[in-house]
Amino acid sequence: MEKFWQKSHKKRIKVEIYLFISPLLCIFAPTNKNLRDMKQVLNTLKRIEHDAESIGKAIRNEGQVYRAELEERQRMGLHGDAAIKHYNEWMQRNGMEHLMVKEG
């Protein structure tokens, strides 16, 4: 009786696994449309990765410029309007006008 139960139990597990996996196989079967969609998703992910790397490089560059400007400004002992003018000149010189302090 024990062997029969083990065999039927294994058979039941196989059937349950098959019933669970068979709908998934239909969903993930490699059809031309699925392959095309997967390639499109892959290309989108590669573009996102490239964009994220570009953003990271830009932020690191901005941080380096900002630190260098801050060190020079502190070394020169600038405060108030002179410090703002110095900061804006640095930002403009390095193509970072979007970080300039607006006057007024």
PDB file of N, CA and C in Angstrom:
ATOM      1  N   MET A   1       0.814  -1.189   0.000  1.00  0.00           N
ATOM      2  CA  MET A   1       0.000   0.000   0.000  1.00  0.00           C
ATOM      3  C   MET A   1       0.861   1.258   0.000  1.00  0.00           C
ATOM      4  N   GLU A   2       1.967   1.175   0.739  1.00  0.00           N
ATOM      5  CA  GLU A   2       2.869   2.313   0.826  1.00  0.00           C
ATOM      6  C   GLU A   2       3.428   2.669  -0.550  1.00  0.00           C
ATOM      7  N   LYS A   3       3.871   1.674  -1.318  1.00  0.00           N
ATOM      8  CA  LYS A   3       4.422   1.933  -2.650  1.00  0.00           C
ATOM      9  C   LYS A   3       3.365   2.518  -3.574  1.00  0.00           C
ATOM     10  N   PHE A   4       2.169   2.029  -3.478  1.00  0.00           N
ATOM     11  CA  PHE A   4       1.094   2.566  -4.305  1.00  0.00           C
ATOM     12  C   PHE A   4       0.859   4.050  -3.992  1.00  0.00           C
ATOM     13  N   TRP A   5       0.865   4.390  -2.708  1.00  0.00           N
ATOM     14  CA  TRP A   5       0.640   5.770  -2.308  1.00  0.00           C
ATOM     15  C   TRP A   5       1.761   6.667  -2.823  1.00  0.00           C
ATOM     16  N   GLN A   6       3.017   6.187  -2.716  1.00  0.00           N
ATOM     17  CA  GLN A   6       4.155   6.960  -3.195  1.00  0.00           C
ATOM     18  C   GLN A   6       4.049   7.197  -4.698  1.00  0.00           C
ATOM     19  N   LYS A   7       3.690   6.140  -5.431  1.00  0.00           N
ATOM     20  CA  LYS A   7       3.569   6.287  -6.880  1.00  0.00           C
ATOM     21  C   LYS A   7       2.435   7.247  -7.234  1.00  0.00           C
ATOM     22  N   SER A   8       1.298   7.078  -6.588  1.00  0.00           N
ATOM     23  CA  SER A   8       0.165   7.950  -6.916  1.00  0.00           C
ATOM     24  C   SER A   8       0.441   9.385  -6.472  1.00  0.00           C
ATOM     25  N   HIS A   9       1.166   9.542  -5.376  1.00  0.00           N
ATOM     26  CA  HIS A   9       1.522  10.874  -4.888  1.00  0.00           C
ATOM     27  C   HIS A   9       2.438  11.569  -5.901  1.00  0.00           C
ATOM     28  N   LYS A  10       3.452  10.836  -6.398  1.00  0.00           N
ATOM     29  CA  LYS A  10       4.352  11.396  -7.404  1.00  0.00           C
ATOM     30  C   LYS A  10       3.592  11.749  -8.676  1.00  0.00           C
ATOM     31  N   LYS A  11       2.686  10.871  -9.048  1.00  0.00           N
ATOM     32  CA  LYS A  11       1.896  11.110 -10.252  1.00  0.00           C
ATOM     33  C   LYS A  11       1.039  12.367 -10.068  1.00  0.00           C
ATOM     34  N   ARG A  12       0.433  12.500  -8.872  1.00  0.00           N
ATOM     35  CA  ARG A  12      -0.405  13.668  -8.593  1.00  0.00           C
ATOM     36  C   ARG A  12       0.417  14.954  -8.638  1.00  0.00           C
ATOM     37  N   ILE A  13       1.617  14.906  -8.090  1.00  0.00           N
ATOM     38  CA  ILE A  13       2.490  16.078  -8.116  1.00  0.00           C
ATOM     39  C   ILE A  13       2.840  16.436  -9.552  1.00  0.00           C
ATOM     40  N   LYS A  14       3.164  15.437 -10.370  1.00  0.00           N
ATOM     41  CA  LYS A  14       3.489  15.698 -11.768  1.00  0.00           C
ATOM     42  C   LYS A  14       2.304  16.329 -12.492  1.00  0.00           C
ATOM     43  N   VAL A  15       1.140  15.821 -12.232  1.00  0.00           N
ATOM     44  CA  VAL A  15      -0.063  16.376 -12.871  1.00  0.00           C
ATOM     45  C   VAL A  15      -0.302  17.802 -12.401  1.00  0.00           C
ATOM     46  N   GLU A  16      -0.147  18.050 -11.094  1.00  0.00           N
ATOM     47  CA  GLU A  16      -0.342  19.403 -10.569  1.00  0.00           C
ATOM     48  C   GLU A  16       0.675  20.368 -11.165  1.00  0.00           C
ATOM     49  N   ILE A  17       1.916  19.939 -11.255  1.00  0.00           N
ATOM     50  CA  ILE A  17       2.951  20.792 -11.853  1.00  0.00           C
ATOM     51  C   ILE A  17       2.621  21.061 -13.318  1.00  0.00           C
ATOM     52  N   TYR A  18       2.227  20.045 -14.042  1.00  0.00           N
ATOM     53  CA  TYR A  18       1.881  20.227 -15.448  1.00  0.00           C
ATOM     54  C   TYR A  18       0.721  21.200 -15.597  1.00  0.00           C
ATOM     55  N   LEU A  19      -0.292  21.046 -14.753  1.00  0.00           N
ATOM     56  CA  LEU A  19      -1.454  21.940 -14.837  1.00  0.00           C
ATOM     57  C   LEU A  19      -1.072  23.374 -14.503  1.00  0.00           C
ATOM     58  N   PHE A  20      -0.102  23.530 -13.623  1.00  0.00           N
ATOM     59  CA  PHE A  20       0.352  24.872 -13.262  1.00  0.00           C
ATOM     60  C   PHE A  20       1.219  25.483 -14.358  1.00  0.00           C
ATOM     61  N   ILE A  21       2.111  24.691 -14.926  1.00  0.00           N
ATOM     62  CA  ILE A  21       3.083  25.212 -15.897  1.00  0.00           C
ATOM     63  C   ILE A  21       2.491  25.337 -17.298  1.00  0.00           C
ATOM     64  N   SER A  22       1.596  24.468 -17.685  1.00  0.00           N
ATOM     65  CA  SER A  22       1.116  24.486 -19.069  1.00  0.00           C
ATOM     66  C   SER A  22       0.512  25.833 -19.483  1.00  0.00           C
ATOM     67  N   PRO A  23      -0.269  26.534 -18.642  1.00  0.00           N
ATOM     68  CA  PRO A  23      -0.729  27.870 -19.074  1.00  0.00           C
ATOM     69  C   PRO A  23       0.423  28.848 -19.227  1.00  0.00           C
ATOM     70  N   LEU A  24       1.462  28.704 -18.377  1.00  0.00           N
ATOM     71  CA  LEU A  24       2.617  29.588 -18.488  1.00  0.00           C
ATOM     72  C   LEU A  24       3.363  29.350 -19.795  1.00  0.00           C
ATOM     73  N   LEU A  25       3.429  28.109 -20.218  1.00  0.00           N
ATOM     74  CA  LEU A  25       4.097  27.802 -21.483  1.00  0.00           C
ATOM     75  C   LEU A  25       3.381  28.473 -22.643  1.00  0.00           C
ATOM     76  N   CYS A  26       2.081  28.537 -22.567  1.00  0.00           N
ATOM     77  CA  CYS A  26       1.322  29.221 -23.615  1.00  0.00           C
ATOM     78  C   CYS A  26       1.640  30.707 -23.628  1.00  0.00           C
ATOM     79  N   ILE A  27       1.810  31.278 -22.441  1.00  0.00           N
ATOM     80  CA  ILE A  27       2.093  32.712 -22.352  1.00  0.00           C
ATOM     81  C   ILE A  27       3.499  33.022 -22.849  1.00  0.00           C
ATOM     82  N   PHE A  28       4.473  32.200 -22.456  1.00  0.00           N
ATOM     83  CA  PHE A  28       5.865  32.484 -22.758  1.00  0.00           C
ATOM     84  C   PHE A  28       6.408  31.693 -23.940  1.00  0.00           C
ATOM     85  N   ALA A  29       5.558  31.075 -24.711  1.00  0.00           N
ATOM     86  CA  ALA A  29       6.030  30.342 -25.881  1.00  0.00           C
ATOM     87  C   ALA A  29       6.684  31.329 -26.841  1.00  0.00           C
ATOM     88  N   PRO A  30       7.851  31.008 -27.348  1.00  0.00           N
ATOM     89  CA  PRO A  30       8.581  31.957 -28.190  1.00  0.00           C
ATOM     90  C   PRO A  30       7.977  32.089 -29.596  1.00  0.00           C
ATOM     91  N   THR A  31       6.998  32.934 -29.721  1.00  0.00           N
ATOM     92  CA  THR A  31       6.437  33.227 -31.038  1.00  0.00           C
ATOM     93  C   THR A  31       7.170  34.434 -31.601  1.00  0.00           C
ATOM     94  N   ASN A  32       6.960  34.716 -32.873  1.00  0.00           N
ATOM     95  CA  ASN A  32       7.610  35.874 -33.487  1.00  0.00           C
ATOM     96  C   ASN A  32       7.215  37.164 -32.782  1.00  0.00           C
ATOM     97  N   LYS A  33       5.946  37.289 -32.423  1.00  0.00           N
ATOM     98  CA  LYS A  33       5.479  38.499 -31.746  1.00  0.00           C
ATOM     99  C   LYS A  33       6.141  38.635 -30.380  1.00  0.00           C
ATOM    100  N   ASN A  34       6.222  37.516 -29.634  1.00  0.00           N
ATOM    101  CA  ASN A  34       6.868  37.565 -28.326  1.00  0.00           C
ATOM    102  C   ASN A  34       8.341  37.921 -28.446  1.00  0.00           C
ATOM    103  N   LEU A  35       9.019  37.343 -29.428  1.00  0.00           N
ATOM    104  CA  LEU A  35      10.429  37.664 -29.630  1.00  0.00           C
ATOM    105  C   LEU A  35      10.602  39.133 -29.992  1.00  0.00           C
ATOM    106  N   ARG A  36       9.742  39.646 -30.835  1.00  0.00           N
ATOM    107  CA  ARG A  36       9.796  41.060 -31.228  1.00  0.00           C
ATOM    108  C   ARG A  36       9.554  41.953 -30.005  1.00  0.00           C
ATOM    109  N   ASP A  37       8.583  41.570 -29.188  1.00  0.00           N
ATOM    110  CA  ASP A  37       8.292  42.340 -27.977  1.00  0.00           C
ATOM    111  C   ASP A  37       9.467  42.294 -27.004  1.00  0.00           C
ATOM    112  N   MET A  38      10.085  41.111 -26.864  1.00  0.00           N
ATOM    113  CA  MET A  38      11.232  40.982 -25.966  1.00  0.00           C
ATOM    114  C   MET A  38      12.410  41.827 -26.451  1.00  0.00           C
ATOM    115  N   LYS A  39      12.623  41.858 -27.751  1.00  0.00           N
ATOM    116  CA  LYS A  39      13.701  42.691 -28.302  1.00  0.00           C
ATOM    117  C   LYS A  39      13.412  44.169 -28.060  1.00  0.00           C
ATOM    118  N   GLN A  40      12.145  44.550 -28.190  1.00  0.00           N
ATOM    119  CA  GLN A  40      11.765  45.934 -27.953  1.00  0.00           C
ATOM    120  C   GLN A  40      11.992  46.304 -26.483  1.00  0.00           C
ATOM    121  N   VAL A  41      11.631  45.404 -25.576  1.00  0.00           N
ATOM    122  CA  VAL A  41      11.857  45.640 -24.154  1.00  0.00           C
ATOM    123  C   VAL A  41      13.354  45.730 -23.868  1.00  0.00           C
ATOM    124  N   LEU A  42      14.131  44.849 -24.463  1.00  0.00           N
ATOM    125  CA  LEU A  42      15.579  44.867 -24.273  1.00  0.00           C
ATOM    126  C   LEU A  42      16.175  46.176 -24.769  1.00  0.00           C
ATOM    127  N   ASN A  43      15.746  46.633 -25.953  1.00  0.00           N
ATOM    128  CA  ASN A  43      16.242  47.901 -26.479  1.00  0.00           C
ATOM    129  C   ASN A  43      15.858  49.065 -25.577  1.00  0.00           C
ATOM    130  N   THR A  44      14.648  49.032 -25.036  1.00  0.00           N
ATOM    131  CA  THR A  44      14.212  50.086 -24.118  1.00  0.00           C
ATOM    132  C   THR A  44      15.071  50.078 -22.860  1.00  0.00           C
ATOM    133  N   LEU A  45      15.362  48.894 -22.327  1.00  0.00           N
ATOM    134  CA  LEU A  45      16.204  48.798 -21.137  1.00  0.00           C
ATOM    135  C   LEU A  45      17.628  49.287 -21.413  1.00  0.00           C
ATOM    136  N   LYS A  46      18.157  48.989 -22.586  1.00  0.00           N
ATOM    137  CA  LYS A  46      19.492  49.476 -22.944  1.00  0.00           C
ATOM    138  C   LYS A  46      19.503  50.996 -23.042  1.00  0.00           C
ATOM    139  N   ARG A  47      18.436  51.572 -23.613  1.00  0.00           N
ATOM    140  CA  ARG A  47      18.342  53.032 -23.721  1.00  0.00           C
ATOM    141  C   ARG A  47      18.267  53.660 -22.336  1.00  0.00           C
ATOM    142  N   ILE A  48      17.482  53.051 -21.452  1.00  0.00           N
ATOM    143  CA  ILE A  48      17.365  53.563 -20.085  1.00  0.00           C
ATOM    144  C   ILE A  48      18.712  53.501 -19.376  1.00  0.00           C
ATOM    145  N   GLU A  49      19.442  52.391 -19.573  1.00  0.00           N
ATOM    146  CA  GLU A  49      20.765  52.261 -18.964  1.00  0.00           C
ATOM    147  C   GLU A  49      21.702  53.354 -19.471  1.00  0.00           C
ATOM    148  N   HIS A  50      21.690  53.587 -20.774  1.00  0.00           N
ATOM    149  CA  HIS A  50      22.546  54.618 -21.356  1.00  0.00           C
ATOM    150  C   HIS A  50      22.168  55.995 -20.812  1.00  0.00           C
ATOM    151  N   ASP A  51      20.881  56.287 -20.750  1.00  0.00           N
ATOM    152  CA  ASP A  51      20.423  57.577 -20.227  1.00  0.00           C
ATOM    153  C   ASP A  51      20.834  57.755 -18.769  1.00  0.00           C
ATOM    154  N   ALA A  52      20.710  56.698 -17.969  1.00  0.00           N
ATOM    155  CA  ALA A  52      21.083  56.771 -16.554  1.00  0.00           C
ATOM    156  C   ALA A  52      22.582  57.019 -16.399  1.00  0.00           C
ATOM    157  N   GLU A  53      23.388  56.363 -17.233  1.00  0.00           N
ATOM    158  CA  GLU A  53      24.837  56.592 -17.189  1.00  0.00           C
ATOM    159  C   GLU A  53      25.165  58.034 -17.576  1.00  0.00           C
ATOM    160  N   SER A  54      24.492  58.562 -18.588  1.00  0.00           N
ATOM    161  CA  SER A  54      24.724  59.942 -19.011  1.00  0.00           C
ATOM    162  C   SER A  54      24.346  60.930 -17.913  1.00  0.00           C
ATOM    163  N   ILE A  55      23.220  60.681 -17.262  1.00  0.00           N
ATOM    164  CA  ILE A  55      22.790  61.547 -16.174  1.00  0.00           C
ATOM    165  C   ILE A  55      23.793  61.491 -15.025  1.00  0.00           C
ATOM    166  N   GLY A  56      24.264  60.291 -14.704  1.00  0.00           N
ATOM    167  CA  GLY A  56      25.255  60.141 -13.641  1.00  0.00           C
ATOM    168  C   GLY A  56      26.539  60.900 -13.942  1.00  0.00           C
ATOM    169  N   LYS A  57      27.015  60.825 -15.180  1.00  0.00           N
ATOM    170  CA  LYS A  57      28.232  61.558 -15.573  1.00  0.00           C
ATOM    171  C   LYS A  57      28.013  63.053 -15.470  1.00  0.00           C
ATOM    172  N   ALA A  58      26.853  63.527 -15.915  1.00  0.00           N
ATOM    173  CA  ALA A  58      26.559  64.956 -15.858  1.00  0.00           C
ATOM    174  C   ALA A  58      26.510  65.445 -14.414  1.00  0.00           C
ATOM    175  N   ILE A  59      25.893  64.667 -13.542  1.00  0.00           N
ATOM    176  CA  ILE A  59      25.803  65.060 -12.135  1.00  0.00           C
ATOM    177  C   ILE A  59      27.185  65.073 -11.481  1.00  0.00           C
ATOM    178  N   ARG A  60      28.016  64.066 -11.794  1.00  0.00           N
ATOM    179  CA  ARG A  60      29.377  64.053 -11.241  1.00  0.00           C
ATOM    180  C   ARG A  60      30.169  65.254 -11.731  1.00  0.00           C
ATOM    181  N   ASN A  61      30.021  65.604 -13.008  1.00  0.00           N
ATOM    182  CA  ASN A  61      30.714  66.760 -13.557  1.00  0.00           C
ATOM    183  C   ASN A  61      30.252  68.049 -12.868  1.00  0.00           C
ATOM    184  N   GLU A  62      28.934  68.187 -12.696  1.00  0.00           N
ATOM    185  CA  GLU A  62      28.407  69.371 -12.017  1.00  0.00           C
ATOM    186  C   GLU A  62      28.939  69.456 -10.588  1.00  0.00           C
ATOM    187  N   GLY A  63      29.027  68.319  -9.914  1.00  0.00           N
ATOM    188  CA  GLY A  63      29.549  68.298  -8.548  1.00  0.00           C
ATOM    189  C   GLY A  63      31.001  68.737  -8.486  1.00  0.00           C
ATOM    190  N   GLN A  64      31.804  68.308  -9.464  1.00  0.00           N
ATOM    191  CA  GLN A  64      33.214  68.715  -9.494  1.00  0.00           C
ATOM    192  C   GLN A  64      33.344  70.212  -9.714  1.00  0.00           C
ATOM    193  N   VAL A  65      32.552  70.755 -10.640  1.00  0.00           N
ATOM    194  CA  VAL A  65      32.597  72.196 -10.907  1.00  0.00           C
ATOM    195  C   VAL A  65      32.147  72.964  -9.674  1.00  0.00           C
ATOM    196  N   TYR A  66      31.067  72.501  -9.058  1.00  0.00           N
ATOM    197  CA  TYR A  66      30.546  73.177  -7.877  1.00  0.00           C
ATOM    198  C   TYR A  66      31.575  73.189  -6.752  1.00  0.00           C
ATOM    199  N   ARG A  67      32.237  72.036  -6.500  1.00  0.00           N
ATOM    200  CA  ARG A  67      33.251  71.973  -5.440  1.00  0.00           C
ATOM    201  C   ARG A  67      34.427  72.894  -5.735  1.00  0.00           C
ATOM    202  N   ALA A  68      34.879  72.906  -6.997  1.00  0.00           N
ATOM    203  CA  ALA A  68      36.010  73.765  -7.365  1.00  0.00           C
ATOM    204  C   ALA A  68      35.645  75.235  -7.182  1.00  0.00           C
ATOM    205  N   GLU A  69      34.430  75.601  -7.582  1.00  0.00           N
ATOM    206  CA  GLU A  69      33.988  76.999  -7.422  1.00  0.00           C
ATOM    207  C   GLU A  69      33.910  77.358  -5.943  1.00  0.00           C
ATOM    208  N   LEU A  70      33.355  76.461  -5.141  1.00  0.00           N
ATOM    209  CA  LEU A  70      33.217  76.716  -3.713  1.00  0.00           C
ATOM    210  C   LEU A  70      34.581  76.894  -3.047  1.00  0.00           C
ATOM    211  N   GLU A  71      35.547  76.041  -3.386  1.00  0.00           N
ATOM    212  CA  GLU A  71      36.890  76.161  -2.816  1.00  0.00           C
ATOM    213  C   GLU A  71      37.511  77.500  -3.177  1.00  0.00           C
ATOM    214  N   GLU A  72      37.384  77.888  -4.448  1.00  0.00           N
ATOM    215  CA  GLU A  72      37.964  79.172  -4.876  1.00  0.00           C
ATOM    216  C   GLU A  72      37.262  80.341  -4.187  1.00  0.00           C
ATOM    217  N   ARG A  73      35.962  80.284  -4.098  1.00  0.00           N
ATOM    218  CA  ARG A  73      35.196  81.365  -3.461  1.00  0.00           C
ATOM    219  C   ARG A  73      35.577  81.504  -1.984  1.00  0.00           C
ATOM    220  N   GLN A  74      35.718  80.382  -1.290  1.00  0.00           N
ATOM    221  CA  GLN A  74      36.118  80.427   0.112  1.00  0.00           C
ATOM    222  C   GLN A  74      37.552  80.916   0.270  1.00  0.00           C
ATOM    223  N   ARG A  75      38.427  80.496  -0.646  1.00  0.00           N
ATOM    224  CA  ARG A  75      39.825  80.926  -0.613  1.00  0.00           C
ATOM    225  C   ARG A  75      39.925  82.434  -0.816  1.00  0.00           C
ATOM    226  N   MET A  76      39.044  82.966  -1.690  1.00  0.00           N
ATOM    227  CA  MET A  76      39.043  84.410  -1.962  1.00  0.00           C
ATOM    228  C   MET A  76      38.289  85.191  -0.881  1.00  0.00           C
ATOM    229  N   GLY A  77      37.542  84.482  -0.050  1.00  0.00           N
ATOM    230  CA  GLY A  77      36.800  85.130   1.024  1.00  0.00           C
ATOM    231  C   GLY A  77      35.618  85.946   0.531  1.00  0.00           C
ATOM    232  N   LEU A  78      34.978  85.513  -0.537  1.00  0.00           N
ATOM    233  CA  LEU A  78      33.849  86.259  -1.096  1.00  0.00           C
ATOM    234  C   LEU A  78      32.566  85.977  -0.325  1.00  0.00           C
ATOM    235  N   HIS A  79      31.743  87.021  -0.174  1.00  0.00           N
ATOM    236  CA  HIS A  79      30.449  86.900   0.500  1.00  0.00           C
ATOM    237  C   HIS A  79      29.437  87.782  -0.228  1.00  0.00           C
ATOM    238  N   GLY A  80      28.159  87.478  -0.032  1.00  0.00           N
ATOM    239  CA  GLY A  80      27.088  88.324  -0.550  1.00  0.00           C
ATOM    240  C   GLY A  80      27.029  88.350  -2.064  1.00  0.00           C
ATOM    241  N   ASP A  81      26.846  89.578  -2.604  1.00  0.00           N
ATOM    242  CA  ASP A  81      26.696  89.750  -4.051  1.00  0.00           C
ATOM    243  C   ASP A  81      27.947  89.331  -4.816  1.00  0.00           C
ATOM    244  N   ALA A  82      29.129  89.562  -4.227  1.00  0.00           N
ATOM    245  CA  ALA A  82      30.369  89.160  -4.898  1.00  0.00           C
ATOM    246  C   ALA A  82      30.435  87.633  -5.033  1.00  0.00           C
ATOM    247  N   ALA A  83      29.980  86.928  -4.020  1.00  0.00           N
ATOM    248  CA  ALA A  83      29.981  85.463  -4.063  1.00  0.00           C
ATOM    249  C   ALA A  83      28.991  84.961  -5.110  1.00  0.00           C
ATOM    250  N   ILE A  84      27.816  85.589  -5.180  1.00  0.00           N
ATOM    251  CA  ILE A  84      26.810  85.196  -6.178  1.00  0.00           C
ATOM    252  C   ILE A  84      27.335  85.447  -7.580  1.00  0.00           C
ATOM    253  N   LYS A  85      27.982  86.614  -7.783  1.00  0.00           N
ATOM    254  CA  LYS A  85      28.538  86.932  -9.103  1.00  0.00           C
ATOM    255  C   LYS A  85      29.616  85.912  -9.489  1.00  0.00           C
ATOM    256  N   HIS A  86      30.491  85.588  -8.558  1.00  0.00           N
ATOM    257  CA  HIS A  86      31.551  84.606  -8.805  1.00  0.00           C
ATOM    258  C   HIS A  86      30.948  83.242  -9.168  1.00  0.00           C
ATOM    259  N   TYR A  87      29.951  82.811  -8.390  1.00  0.00           N
ATOM    260  CA  TYR A  87      29.275  81.531  -8.632  1.00  0.00           C
ATOM    261  C   TYR A  87      28.649  81.509 -10.023  1.00  0.00           C
ATOM    262  N   ASN A  88      27.898  82.545 -10.367  1.00  0.00           N
ATOM    263  CA  ASN A  88      27.230  82.601 -11.675  1.00  0.00           C
ATOM    264  C   ASN A  88      28.229  82.592 -12.830  1.00  0.00           C
ATOM    265  N   GLU A  89      29.355  83.290 -12.653  1.00  0.00           N
ATOM    266  CA  GLU A  89      30.385  83.286 -13.699  1.00  0.00           C
ATOM    267  C   GLU A  89      30.922  81.870 -13.917  1.00  0.00           C
ATOM    268  N   TRP A  90      31.170  81.139 -12.826  1.00  0.00           N
ATOM    269  CA  TRP A  90      31.652  79.767 -12.937  1.00  0.00           C
ATOM    270  C   TRP A  90      30.639  78.876 -13.642  1.00  0.00           C
ATOM    271  N   MET A  91      29.395  79.012 -13.250  1.00  0.00           N
ATOM    272  CA  MET A  91      28.352  78.174 -13.849  1.00  0.00           C
ATOM    273  C   MET A  91      28.221  78.475 -15.346  1.00  0.00           C
ATOM    274  N   GLN A  92      28.252  79.738 -15.706  1.00  0.00           N
ATOM    275  CA  GLN A  92      28.130  80.115 -17.116  1.00  0.00           C
ATOM    276  C   GLN A  92      29.342  79.633 -17.908  1.00  0.00           C
ATOM    277  N   ARG A  93      30.521  79.785 -17.353  1.00  0.00           N
ATOM    278  CA  ARG A  93      31.748  79.369 -18.030  1.00  0.00           C
ATOM    279  C   ARG A  93      31.774  77.860 -18.283  1.00  0.00           C
ATOM    280  N   ASN A  94      31.120  77.093 -17.424  1.00  0.00           N
ATOM    281  CA  ASN A  94      31.123  75.628 -17.547  1.00  0.00           C
ATOM    282  C   ASN A  94      29.845  75.077 -18.158  1.00  0.00           C
ATOM    283  N   GLY A  95      29.041  75.932 -18.779  1.00  0.00           N
ATOM    284  CA  GLY A  95      27.834  75.479 -19.465  1.00  0.00           C
ATOM    285  C   GLY A  95      26.747  74.975 -18.534  1.00  0.00           C
ATOM    286  N   MET A  96      26.701  75.524 -17.337  1.00  0.00           N
ATOM    287  CA  MET A  96      25.726  75.080 -16.349  1.00  0.00           C
ATOM    288  C   MET A  96      24.814  76.243 -15.940  1.00  0.00           C
ATOM    289  N   GLU A  97      24.312  76.941 -16.945  1.00  0.00           N
ATOM    290  CA  GLU A  97      23.469  78.106 -16.678  1.00  0.00           C
ATOM    291  C   GLU A  97      22.221  77.758 -15.875  1.00  0.00           C
ATOM    292  N   HIS A  98      21.761  76.517 -15.991  1.00  0.00           N
ATOM    293  CA  HIS A  98      20.566  76.096 -15.252  1.00  0.00           C
ATOM    294  C   HIS A  98      20.781  76.104 -13.742  1.00  0.00           C
ATOM    295  N   LEU A  99      22.049  76.208 -13.299  1.00  0.00           N
ATOM    296  CA  LEU A  99      22.347  76.249 -11.872  1.00  0.00           C
ATOM    297  C   LEU A  99      22.649  77.658 -11.370  1.00  0.00           C
ATOM    298  N   MET A 100      22.574  78.631 -12.262  1.00  0.00           N
ATOM    299  CA  MET A 100      22.877  80.001 -11.864  1.00  0.00           C
ATOM    300  C   MET A 100      21.819  80.534 -10.900  1.00  0.00           C
ATOM    301  N   VAL A 101      22.287  81.429 -10.006  1.00  0.00           N
ATOM    302  CA  VAL A 101      21.383  82.086  -9.065  1.00  0.00           C
ATOM    303  C   VAL A 101      20.736  83.252  -9.790  1.00  0.00           C
ATOM    304  N   LYS A 102      19.407  83.298  -9.727  1.00  0.00           N
ATOM    305  CA  LYS A 102      18.682  84.388 -10.376  1.00  0.00           C
ATOM    306  C   LYS A 102      18.719  85.620  -9.483  1.00  0.00           C
ATOM    307  N   GLU A 103      19.037  86.749 -10.093  1.00  0.00           N
ATOM    308  CA  GLU A 103      19.094  87.993  -9.333  1.00  0.00           C
ATOM    309  C   GLU A 103      17.723  88.649  -9.293  1.00  0.00           C
ATOM    310  N   GLY A 104      17.511  89.393  -8.210  1.00  0.00           N
ATOM    311  CA  GLY A 104      16.266  90.180  -8.114  1.00  0.00           C
ATOM    312  C   GLY A 104      15.263  89.476  -7.347  1.00  0.00           C
TER     313      GLY A 104
END
